[in-house]
C-alpha atoms as a PDB file:
ATOM      1  CA  MET A   1     166.964 -16.781-124.792  1.00  0.00           C
ATOM      2  CA  LYS A   2     170.384 -14.969-124.576  1.00  0.00           C
ATOM      3  CA  ARG A   3     168.834 -12.386-122.697  1.00  0.00           C
ATOM      4  CA  LEU A   4     167.575 -14.849-120.159  1.00  0.00           C
ATOM      5  CA  ASN A   5     170.850 -16.449-119.900  1.00  0.00           C
ATOM      6  CA  SER A   6     172.802 -13.356-119.310  1.00  0.00           C
ATOM      7  CA  ALA A   7     170.315 -11.799-116.733  1.00  0.00           C
ATOM      8  CA  LEU A   8     170.957 -15.326-114.769  1.00  0.00           C
ATOM      9  CA  LEU A   9     174.637 -15.158-114.983  1.00  0.00           C
ATOM     10  CA  ILE A  10     174.765 -11.588-113.749  1.00  0.00           C
ATOM     11  CA  LEU A  11     172.488 -12.564-110.763  1.00  0.00           C
ATOM     12  CA  THR A  12     174.831 -15.799-110.059  1.00  0.00           C
ATOM     13  CA  PHE A  13     177.823 -13.376-109.773  1.00  0.00           C
ATOM     14  CA  VAL A  14     175.933 -10.709-107.820  1.00  0.00           C
ATOM     15  CA  LEU A  15     174.962 -13.243-105.272  1.00  0.00           C
ATOM     16  CA  GLY A  16     178.578 -14.719-105.054  1.00  0.00           C
ATOM     17  CA  ALA A  17     179.948 -11.399-104.228  1.00  0.00           C
ATOM     18  CA  CYS A  18     177.673 -10.741-101.468  1.00  0.00           C
ATOM     19  CA  THR A  19     178.437 -14.083 -99.969  1.00  0.00           C
ATOM     20  CA  THR A  20     182.191 -13.320-100.075  1.00  0.00           C
ATOM     21  CA  ALA A  21     181.829  -9.941 -98.363  1.00  0.00           C
ATOM     22  CA  THR A  22     179.368 -11.264 -95.873  1.00  0.00           C
ATOM     23  CA  THR A  23     181.915 -13.952 -94.825  1.00  0.00           C
ATOM     24  CA  ALA A  24     184.787 -11.580 -94.981  1.00  0.00           C
ATOM     25  CA  THR A  25     182.986  -9.248 -92.505  1.00  0.00           C
ATOM     26  CA  GLU A  26     182.285 -12.234 -90.221  1.00  0.00           C
ATOM     27  CA  THR A  27     185.796 -12.894 -89.920  1.00  0.00           C
ATOM     28  CA  SER A  28     186.806  -9.217 -89.323  1.00  0.00           C
ATOM     29  CA  ASN A  29     184.313  -9.222 -86.547  1.00  0.00           C
ATOM     30  CA  SER A  30     185.175 -12.192 -84.778  1.00  0.00           C
ATOM     31  CA  SER A  31     188.866 -11.357 -84.790  1.00  0.00           C
ATOM     32  CA  THR A  32     188.471  -7.995 -83.140  1.00  0.00           C
ATOM     33  CA  THR A  33     185.583  -9.074 -80.616  1.00  0.00           C
ATOM     34  CA  GLU A  34     188.090 -11.595 -78.875  1.00  0.00           C
ATOM     35  CA  PRO A  35     189.728  -9.984 -75.875  1.00  0.00           C
ATOM     36  CA  PRO A  36     193.685 -10.240 -76.215  1.00  0.00           C
ATOM     37  CA  ALA A  37     195.555 -13.042 -74.052  1.00  0.00           C
ATOM     38  CA  ALA A  38     196.643 -11.934 -70.822  1.00  0.00           C
ATOM     39  CA  SER A  39     200.118 -10.281 -70.620  1.00  0.00           C
ATOM     40  CA  GLY A  40     201.100 -11.721 -67.428  1.00  0.00           C
ATOM     41  CA  SER A  41     202.901  -8.548 -66.724  1.00  0.00           C
ATOM     42  CA  ASN A  42     201.689  -7.918 -63.158  1.00  0.00           C
ATOM     43  CA  SER A  43     203.878  -9.310 -60.312  1.00  0.00           C
ATOM     44  CA  PRO A  44     202.745 -11.581 -57.511  1.00  0.00           C
ATOM     45  CA  ALA A  45     201.790  -9.879 -54.174  1.00  0.00           C
ATOM     46  CA  ARG A  46     204.574  -9.784 -51.637  1.00  0.00           C
ATOM     47  CA  GLU A  47     203.865 -11.358 -48.283  1.00  0.00           C
ATOM     48  CA  ALA A  48     205.803 -12.854 -45.551  1.00  0.00           C
ATOM     49  CA  VAL A  49     205.297 -16.772 -44.562  1.00  0.00           C
ATOM     50  CA  LEU A  50     206.408 -18.120 -41.470  1.00  0.00           C
ATOM     51  CA  SER A  51     208.444 -21.262 -42.248  1.00  0.00           C
ATOM     52  CA  GLU A  52     209.994 -22.195 -39.275  1.00  0.00           C
ATOM     53  CA  ILE A  53     208.454 -21.587 -35.332  1.00  0.00           C
ATOM     54  CA  GLU A  54     210.574 -22.465 -31.896  1.00  0.00           C
ATOM     55  CA  ASN A  55     208.552 -22.011 -28.849  1.00  0.00           C
ATOM     56  CA  THR A  56     206.798 -18.710 -28.298  1.00  0.00           C
ATOM     57  CA  VAL A  57     205.856 -16.767 -30.973  1.00  0.00           C
ATOM     58  CA  SER A  58     202.957 -14.573 -31.916  1.00  0.00           C
ATOM     59  CA  ILE A  59     201.926 -12.833 -35.249  1.00  0.00           C
ATOM     60  CA  ARG A  60     199.622  -9.971 -36.326  1.00  0.00           C
ATOM     61  CA  LYS A  61     198.632 -10.559 -40.055  1.00  0.00           C
ATOM     62  CA  THR A  62     197.968  -7.018 -40.501  1.00  0.00           C
ATOM     63  CA  SER A  63     198.018  -3.831 -38.057  1.00  0.00           C
ATOM     64  CA  ALA A  64     194.637  -4.030 -37.496  1.00  0.00           C
ATOM     65  CA  ASP A  65     194.486  -7.772 -36.355  1.00  0.00           C
ATOM     66  CA  GLU A  66     194.523  -8.972 -32.828  1.00  0.00           C
ATOM     67  CA  ALA A  67     197.900 -11.067 -31.993  1.00  0.00           C
ATOM     68  CA  ILE A  68     197.656 -14.844 -32.346  1.00  0.00           C
ATOM     69  CA  PRO A  69     200.178 -17.665 -31.542  1.00  0.00           C
ATOM     70  CA  ALA A  70     201.809 -18.392 -34.535  1.00  0.00           C
ATOM     71  CA  GLU A  71     201.785 -21.707 -36.574  1.00  0.00           C
ATOM     72  CA  LYS A  72     204.026 -23.172 -39.533  1.00  0.00           C
ATOM     73  CA  GLY A  73     202.777 -21.476 -43.024  1.00  0.00           C
ATOM     74  CA  MET A  74     200.754 -18.240 -41.546  1.00  0.00           C
ATOM     75  CA  SER A  75     201.215 -15.047 -43.972  1.00  0.00           C
ATOM     76  CA  ILE A  76     201.877 -11.759 -42.765  1.00  0.00           C
ATOM     77  CA  LEU A  77     200.901  -9.049 -45.058  1.00  0.00           C
ATOM     78  CA  GLU A  78     202.273  -5.386 -45.098  1.00  0.00           C
ATOM     79  CA  GLY A  79     201.536  -3.823 -41.708  1.00  0.00           C
ATOM     80  CA  GLY A  80     201.840  -6.963 -40.005  1.00  0.00           C
ATOM     81  CA  SER A  81     204.180  -7.817 -37.106  1.00  0.00           C
ATOM     82  CA  VAL A  82     206.019 -10.576 -35.473  1.00  0.00           C
ATOM     83  CA  GLU A  83     207.102 -11.187 -31.824  1.00  0.00           C
ATOM     84  CA  THR A  84     208.809 -13.788 -29.863  1.00  0.00           C
ATOM     85  CA  GLY A  85     209.038 -14.797 -26.381  1.00  0.00           C
ATOM     86  CA  GLU A  86     212.231 -15.230 -24.258  1.00  0.00           C
ATOM     87  CA  ASP A  87     212.542 -18.943 -25.823  1.00  0.00           C
ATOM     88  CA  GLY A  88     210.833 -18.243 -29.163  1.00  0.00           C
ATOM     89  CA  ARG A  89     212.684 -18.043 -32.491  1.00  0.00           C
ATOM     90  CA  ALA A  90     211.077 -17.694 -35.937  1.00  0.00           C
ATOM     91  CA  ARG A  91     212.389 -17.909 -39.829  1.00  0.00           C
ATOM     92  CA  ILE A  92     210.105 -15.603 -42.176  1.00  0.00           C
ATOM     93  CA  ASP A  93     210.568 -16.003 -45.926  1.00  0.00           C
ATOM     94  CA  LEU A  94     209.931 -13.116 -47.946  1.00  0.00           C
ATOM     95  CA  MET A  95     207.881 -14.277 -50.921  1.00  0.00           C
ATOM     96  CA  PRO A  96     208.186 -14.610 -53.846  1.00  0.00           C
ATOM     97  CA  GLU A  97     211.940 -13.500 -54.068  1.00  0.00           C
ATOM     98  CA  GLY A  98     213.100 -15.536 -51.161  1.00  0.00           C
ATOM     99  CA  THR A  99     214.678 -13.644 -48.734  1.00  0.00           C
ATOM    100  CA  ILE A 100     215.177 -14.994 -45.397  1.00  0.00           C
ATOM    101  CA  VAL A 101     214.847 -13.168 -41.978  1.00  0.00           C
ATOM    102  CA  ARG A 102     215.630 -15.183 -38.751  1.00  0.00           C
ATOM    103  CA  VAL A 103     214.224 -13.677 -35.234  1.00  0.00           C
ATOM    104  CA  GLY A 104     216.045 -14.101 -32.106  1.00  0.00           C
ATOM    105  CA  PRO A 105     214.449 -14.425 -28.729  1.00  0.00           C
ATOM    106  CA  ASN A 106     212.736 -11.198 -26.863  1.00  0.00           C
ATOM    107  CA  SER A 107     212.324  -9.492 -30.509  1.00  0.00           C
ATOM    108  CA  SER A 108     209.320  -7.774 -31.784  1.00  0.00           C
ATOM    109  CA  PHE A 109     209.256  -6.073 -35.255  1.00  0.00           C
ATOM    110  CA  SER A 110     206.719  -5.511 -38.085  1.00  0.00           C
ATOM    111  CA  PHE A 111     206.415  -5.077 -41.804  1.00  0.00           C
ATOM    112  CA  PRO A 112     205.486  -1.436 -43.014  1.00  0.00           C
ATOM    113  CA  LYS A 113     206.742  -1.946 -46.378  1.00  0.00           C
ATOM    114  CA  LEU A 114     206.420  -4.879 -48.580  1.00  0.00           C
ATOM    115  CA  THR A 115     206.073  -3.522 -51.944  1.00  0.00           C
ATOM    116  CA  GLU A 116     208.609  -3.096 -55.275  1.00  0.00           C
ATOM    117  CA  GLU A 117     210.627  -0.375 -56.889  1.00  0.00           C
ATOM    118  CA  SER A 118     212.126  -0.750 -60.490  1.00  0.00           C
ATOM    119  CA  ASN A 119     210.785  -4.169 -60.347  1.00  0.00           C
ATOM    120  CA  GLU A 120     212.844  -5.004 -57.308  1.00  0.00           C
ATOM    121  CA  PRO A 121     211.747  -6.146 -53.667  1.00  0.00           C
ATOM    122  CA  LYS A 122     211.704  -3.455 -51.396  1.00  0.00           C
ATOM    123  CA  THR A 123     211.158  -4.134 -47.711  1.00  0.00           C
ATOM    124  CA  THR A 124     211.104  -2.003 -44.421  1.00  0.00           C
ATOM    125  CA  ILE A 125     211.272  -3.568 -41.082  1.00  0.00           C
ATOM    126  CA  GLN A 126     210.787  -1.754 -37.948  1.00  0.00           C
ATOM    127  CA  LEU A 127     212.565  -3.101 -34.878  1.00  0.00           C
ATOM    128  CA  LEU A 128     211.321  -2.222 -31.902  1.00  0.00           C
ATOM    129  CA  PHE A 129     213.507  -4.614 -29.636  1.00  0.00           C
ATOM    130  CA  GLY A 130     215.608  -7.463 -30.155  1.00  0.00           C
ATOM    131  CA  LYS A 131     217.667  -9.046 -32.975  1.00  0.00           C
ATOM    132  CA  VAL A 132     216.992  -9.862 -36.448  1.00  0.00           C
ATOM    133  CA  PHE A 133     219.123 -11.610 -39.076  1.00  0.00           C
ATOM    134  CA  VAL A 134     218.849 -10.610 -42.793  1.00  0.00           C
ATOM    135  CA  LEU A 135     219.547 -13.309 -45.617  1.00  0.00           C
ATOM    136  CA  LEU A 136     218.915 -11.092 -48.755  1.00  0.00           C
ATOM    137  CA  LYS A 137     217.991 -12.287 -51.969  1.00  0.00           C
ATOM    138  CA  GLY A 138     217.195  -9.447 -54.314  1.00  0.00           C
ATOM    139  CA  GLY A 139     216.080  -5.926 -53.970  1.00  0.00           C
ATOM    140  CA  SER A 140     216.980  -3.678 -50.717  1.00  0.00           C
ATOM    141  CA  LEU A 141     215.971  -4.011 -46.927  1.00  0.00           C
ATOM    142  CA  ASN A 142     215.908  -1.057 -44.267  1.00  0.00           C
ATOM    143  CA  VAL A 143     215.519  -1.894 -40.583  1.00  0.00           C
ATOM    144  CA  GLU A 144     214.544   1.043 -39.073  1.00  0.00           C
ATOM    145  CA  THR A 145     214.828   1.688 -34.980  1.00  0.00           C
ATOM    146  CA  PRO A 146     214.093   4.684 -32.940  1.00  0.00           C
ATOM    147  CA  SER A 147     217.903   5.388 -32.966  1.00  0.00           C
ATOM    148  CA  GLY A 148     218.755   5.178 -36.650  1.00  0.00           C
ATOM    149  CA  VAL A 149     218.400   2.799 -39.963  1.00  0.00           C
ATOM    150  CA  ALA A 150     220.486  -0.351 -41.132  1.00  0.00           C
ATOM    151  CA  SER A 151     220.203  -0.782 -44.733  1.00  0.00           C
ATOM    152  CA  VAL A 152     221.645  -3.793 -47.049  1.00  0.00           C
ATOM    153  CA  ARG A 153     221.288  -4.780 -50.618  1.00  0.00           C
ATOM    154  CA  GLY A 154     222.485  -8.047 -51.910  1.00  0.00           C
ATOM    155  CA  SER A 155     224.348  -9.188 -48.619  1.00  0.00           C
ATOM    156  CA  LEU A 156     223.842 -10.519 -45.280  1.00  0.00           C
ATOM    157  CA  LEU A 157     223.153  -8.237 -42.221  1.00  0.00           C
ATOM    158  CA  SER A 158     222.182  -8.623 -38.672  1.00  0.00           C
ATOM    159  CA  VAL A 159     220.628  -5.836 -36.502  1.00  0.00           C
ATOM    160  CA  GLU A 160     220.050  -5.705 -32.646  1.00  0.00           C
ATOM    161  CA  PHE A 161     218.016  -2.980 -30.859  1.00  0.00           C
ATOM    162  CA  ASN A 162     217.853  -2.346 -27.191  1.00  0.00           C
ATOM    163  CA  PRO A 163     215.325   0.078 -26.247  1.00  0.00           C
ATOM    164  CA  GLU A 164     216.622   0.681 -22.514  1.00  0.00           C
ATOM    165  CA  THR A 165     219.991   2.035 -23.928  1.00  0.00           C
ATOM    166  CA  ASN A 166     218.803   3.135 -27.305  1.00  0.00           C
ATOM    167  CA  ARG A 167     221.794   1.062 -28.944  1.00  0.00           C
ATOM    168  CA  ILE A 168     221.537  -0.155 -32.288  1.00  0.00           C
ATOM    169  CA  SER A 169     224.263  -2.760 -33.669  1.00  0.00           C
ATOM    170  CA  ALA A 170     224.601  -3.996 -36.996  1.00  0.00           C
ATOM    171  CA  THR A 171     226.823  -6.439 -38.450  1.00  0.00           C
ATOM    172  CA  CYS A 172     227.820  -7.114 -42.291  1.00  0.00           C
ATOM    173  CA  MET A 173     228.545 -10.388 -43.072  1.00  0.00           C
ATOM    174  CA  GLU A 174     228.811 -10.135 -46.573  1.00  0.00           C
ATOM    175  CA  GLY A 175     227.912  -7.300 -49.199  1.00  0.00           C
ATOM    176  CA  ASP A 176     226.774  -3.882 -49.101  1.00  0.00           C
ATOM    177  CA  CYS A 177     225.593  -2.712 -45.865  1.00  0.00           C
ATOM    178  CA  SER A 178     225.185   0.896 -44.323  1.00  0.00           C
ATOM    179  CA  LEU A 179     224.229   2.436 -40.867  1.00  0.00           C
ATOM    180  CA  GLN A 180     222.587   5.756 -40.418  1.00  0.00           C
ATOM    181  CA  ALA A 181     221.745   7.686 -37.303  1.00  0.00           C
ATOM    182  CA  GLU A 182     218.576   9.268 -36.494  1.00  0.00           C
ATOM    183  CA  GLY A 183     220.677  12.820 -36.801  1.00  0.00           C
ATOM    184  CA  GLY A 184     221.202  11.800 -40.370  1.00  0.00           C
ATOM    185  CA  GLU A 185     224.964  10.627 -39.991  1.00  0.00           C
ATOM    186  CA  GLU A 186     225.676   7.573 -42.426  1.00  0.00           C
ATOM    187  CA  ILE A 187     228.590   5.080 -42.631  1.00  0.00           C
ATOM    188  CA  ASP A 188     229.155   2.282 -45.212  1.00  0.00           C
ATOM    189  CA  LEU A 189     229.816  -0.804 -43.486  1.00  0.00           C
ATOM    190  CA  PRO A 190     232.020  -3.201 -45.143  1.00  0.00           C
ATOM    191  CA  GLU A 191     231.456  -7.111 -45.458  1.00  0.00           C
ATOM    192  CA  GLY A 192     233.137  -9.004 -42.362  1.00  0.00           C
ATOM    193  CA  GLN A 193     232.661  -5.414 -40.257  1.00  0.00           C
ATOM    194  CA  GLU A 194     230.207  -4.271 -37.584  1.00  0.00           C
ATOM    195  CA  SER A 195     229.487  -0.808 -35.993  1.00  0.00           C
ATOM    196  CA  PHE A 196     227.015   0.639 -33.445  1.00  0.00           C
ATOM    197  CA  ILE A 197     225.010   3.634 -32.780  1.00  0.00           C
ATOM    198  CA  ASP A 198     226.058   4.784 -28.888  1.00  0.00           C
ATOM    199  CA  GLU A 199     223.812   6.025 -26.367  1.00  0.00           C
ATOM    200  CA  GLY A 200     224.734   9.648 -27.391  1.00  0.00           C
ATOM    201  CA  GLY A 201     223.454   9.166 -30.800  1.00  0.00           C
ATOM    202  CA  GLU A 202     226.916   8.753 -32.551  1.00  0.00           C
ATOM    203  CA  VAL A 203     227.781   6.330 -35.117  1.00  0.00           C
ATOM    204  CA  VAL A 204     230.857   4.339 -34.588  1.00  0.00           C
ATOM    205  CA  ASP A 205     233.741   3.725 -37.147  1.00  0.00           C
ATOM    206  CA  PRO A 206     233.331   0.087 -38.226  1.00  0.00           C
ATOM    207  CA  PHE A 207     235.605  -2.646 -36.766  1.00  0.00           C
ATOM    208  CA  PRO A 208     236.121  -6.227 -37.585  1.00  0.00           C
ATOM    209  CA  MET A 209     233.368  -8.366 -36.217  1.00  0.00           C
ATOM    210  CA  ASP A 210     233.474  -9.940 -32.905  1.00  0.00           C
ATOM    211  CA  ARG A 211     233.954 -13.829 -32.543  1.00  0.00           C
ATOM    212  CA  ASP A 212     230.965 -14.282 -31.047  1.00  0.00           C
ATOM    213  CA  GLU A 213     229.119 -12.703 -33.832  1.00  0.00           C
ATOM    214  CA  VAL A 214     230.187 -14.884 -36.234  1.00  0.00           C
ATOM    215  CA  GLU A 215     229.198 -18.081 -34.347  1.00  0.00           C
ATOM    216  CA  ALA A 216     225.688 -16.404 -33.506  1.00  0.00           C
ATOM    217  CA  TRP A 217     225.417 -16.095 -37.397  1.00  0.00           C
ATOM    218  CA  LEU A 218     226.311 -19.536 -38.103  1.00  0.00           C
ATOM    219  CA  ASN A 219     224.650 -20.970 -35.051  1.00  0.00           C
ATOM    220  CA  GLU A 220     221.104 -19.196 -35.874  1.00  0.00           C
ATOM    221  CA  ASN A 221     221.417 -19.406 -40.058  1.00  0.00           C
ATOM    222  CA  PRO A 222     222.032 -23.073 -41.295  1.00  0.00           C
ATOM    223  CA  GLU A 223     221.094 -21.742 -44.703  1.00  0.00           C
ATOM    224  CA  MET A 224     223.962 -19.688 -44.857  1.00  0.00           C
ATOM    225  CA  ASP A 225     225.862 -21.597 -47.333  1.00  0.00           C
ATOM    226  CA  LEU A 226     223.158 -21.084 -49.842  1.00  0.00           C
ATOM    227  CA  PHE A 227     224.286 -17.383 -49.748  1.00  0.00           C
ATOM    228  CA  MET A 228     228.084 -17.508 -49.098  1.00  0.00           C
ATOM    229  CA  SER A 229     230.679 -19.403 -51.273  1.00  0.00           C
ATOM    230  CA  GLU A 230     232.850 -20.140 -48.315  1.00  0.00           C
ATOM    231  CA  LEU A 231     231.348 -19.761 -44.769  1.00  0.00           C
ATOM    232  CA  PRO A 232     233.580 -17.646 -42.431  1.00  0.00           C
ATOM    233  CA  ASP A 233     235.850 -19.274 -39.716  1.00  0.00           C
ATOM    234  CA  PRO A 234     235.294 -17.560 -35.981  1.00  0.00           C
ATOM    235  CA  GLY A 235     238.746 -18.098 -35.296  1.00  0.00           C
ATOM    236  CA  ASP A 236     239.979 -15.366 -37.857  1.00  0.00           C
ATOM    237  CA  PHE A 237     238.176 -12.755 -35.547  1.00  0.00           C
ATOM    238  CA  PRO A 238     238.892 -10.804 -32.578  1.00  0.00           C
ATOM    239  CA  ASP A 239     237.273 -11.926 -29.153  1.00  0.00           C
ATOM    240  CA  LEU A 240     236.272  -8.525 -27.822  1.00  0.00           C
ATOM    241  CA  PRO A 241     234.868  -7.730 -24.672  1.00  0.00           C
ATOM    242  CA  GLU A 242     231.371  -6.903 -23.877  1.00  0.00           C
ATOM    243  CA  ASP A 243     231.965  -3.617 -23.132  1.00  0.00           C
ATOM    244  CA  PHE A 244     234.074  -2.776 -26.278  1.00  0.00           C
ATOM    245  CA  ASP A 245     233.898   0.697 -27.409  1.00  0.00           C
ATOM    246  CA  GLY A 246     235.052   0.299 -30.950  1.00  0.00           C
ATOM    247  CA  ASN A 247     238.667   1.325 -30.352  1.00  0.00           C
ATOM    248  CA  MET A 248     240.641  -1.741 -31.585  1.00  0.00           C
ATOM    249  CA  GLN A 249     243.723  -0.122 -30.353  1.00  0.00           C
ATOM    250  CA  GLU A 250     242.927   0.346 -26.856  1.00  0.00           C
ATOM    251  CA  PHE A 251     241.609  -3.246 -27.020  1.00  0.00           C
ATOM    252  CA  ASP A 252     244.791  -4.829 -28.614  1.00  0.00           C
ATOM    253  CA  PRO A 253     247.746  -2.792 -30.422  1.00  0.00           C
ATOM    254  CA  GLU A 254     248.918  -5.821 -31.713  1.00  0.00           C
ATOM    255  CA  PHE A 255     245.662  -6.151 -33.653  1.00  0.00           C
ATOM    256  CA  GLN A 256     245.760  -4.916 -36.894  1.00  0.00           C
ATOM    257  CA  SER A 257     242.182  -3.983 -38.070  1.00  0.00           C
ATOM    258  CA  GLY A 258     242.858  -3.480 -41.569  1.00  0.00           C
ATOM    259  CA  ASN A 259     243.274  -7.098 -42.261  1.00  0.00           C
ATOM    260  CA  GLY A 260     241.790  -8.828 -39.084  1.00  0.00           C
ATOM    261  CA  GLU A 261     244.699 -10.592 -38.197  1.00  0.00           C
ATOM    262  CA  ALA A 262     246.549 -10.674 -35.070  1.00  0.00           C
ATOM    263  CA  THR A 263     250.519  -9.656 -35.431  1.00  0.00           C
ATOM    264  CA  PRO A 264     252.520 -12.344 -33.573  1.00  0.00           C
ATOM    265  CA  PRO A 265     255.352 -11.084 -31.131  1.00  0.00           C
ATOM    266  CA  PRO A 266     258.750 -10.918 -32.602  1.00  0.00           C
ATOM    267  CA  ASP A 267     261.250 -13.452 -31.936  1.00  0.00           C
ATOM    268  CA  GLY A 268     262.651 -13.415 -28.244  1.00  0.00           C
ATOM    269  CA  GLY A 269     260.163 -10.991 -27.467  1.00  0.00           C
ATOM    270  CA  GLY A 270     260.193 -12.400 -23.766  1.00  0.00           C
ATOM    271  CA  GLU A 271     263.934 -11.909 -23.609  1.00  0.00           C
ATOM    272  CA  SER A 272     266.060  -8.865 -23.046  1.00  0.00           C
ATOM    273  CA  ASP A 273     269.541  -8.589 -24.628  1.00  0.00           C
ATOM    274  CA  ASN A 274     270.871  -7.355 -21.514  1.00  0.00           C
ATOM    275  CA  GLY A 275     268.650  -9.866 -19.420  1.00  0.00           C
ATOM    276  CA  GLY A 276     271.470 -11.744 -17.968  1.00  0.00           C
ATOM    277  CA  SER A 277     273.844  -8.977 -17.072  1.00  0.00           C
ATOM    278  CA  ASP A 278     272.402  -8.276 -13.789  1.00  0.00           C
ATOM    279  CA  ASP A 279     272.913 -11.648 -12.176  1.00  0.00           C
ATOM    280  CA  GLY A 280     272.197 -11.752  -8.838  1.00  0.00           C
ATOM    281  CA  GLY A 281     270.374  -8.769  -8.595  1.00  0.00           C
ATOM    282  CA  GLY A 282     267.074 -10.742  -7.838  1.00  0.00           C
ATOM    283  CA  GLU A 283     268.581 -12.188  -4.598  1.00  0.00           C
ATOM    284  CA  GLY A 284     269.370 -10.605  -1.555  1.00  0.00           C
END
């Protein structure tokens, strides 16, 4: 009887040990076969979205697509393009970062690059003709033309290209900008300054922005206050002639290009110390 009880006790122990081992194995298998949770490390794909359209605007969603009339909310992918008519304007938001590109009338450009580098947006615009305003929010952006490249990083840049004269003009409203000629010559463009590449491919030294350019920034970009703590006053900038060649001294010797302020004439500048010593000299 004692032997039977001992055998039953041993059998009960063995069966209990097998059940525990089976449960542990099932638990281990279930934990290793479940896939890990998604890490979410992949960034959203970048795209250009039309958020405002005025009059005649057409787009190609990709380089392989036909041009179609633009509609608000349309997406433009890498390789796509935008063209405005004589009365056309558009606002394009680069997503997901929120950079704004404003397009003026009679303009045409494409997006050959909408990527990321070192987790920062990297954008390239090829401007065939016309004018664009860039309000950059993160990363960097290059505007390429047949005559040169204007670049911006963390700032506000406008670029205009005339294919008839091959002249590229750039203004840096704020931040870090640069202008590089096709031949390789490059200059930094300080904020509040502009420059251009002339018909001969030479880069002109930066000079204060034209008053008309400042007014264009304010008129064409109503969201500027979201990018600048204080909006510029056009009255603080010179009124340059259309054929200005970049030489501030030839334009106005009294204008101090270093601080953008005109030097007032000295007191009594219209009179001479001996102006009254020749009385009667004007009558005969």
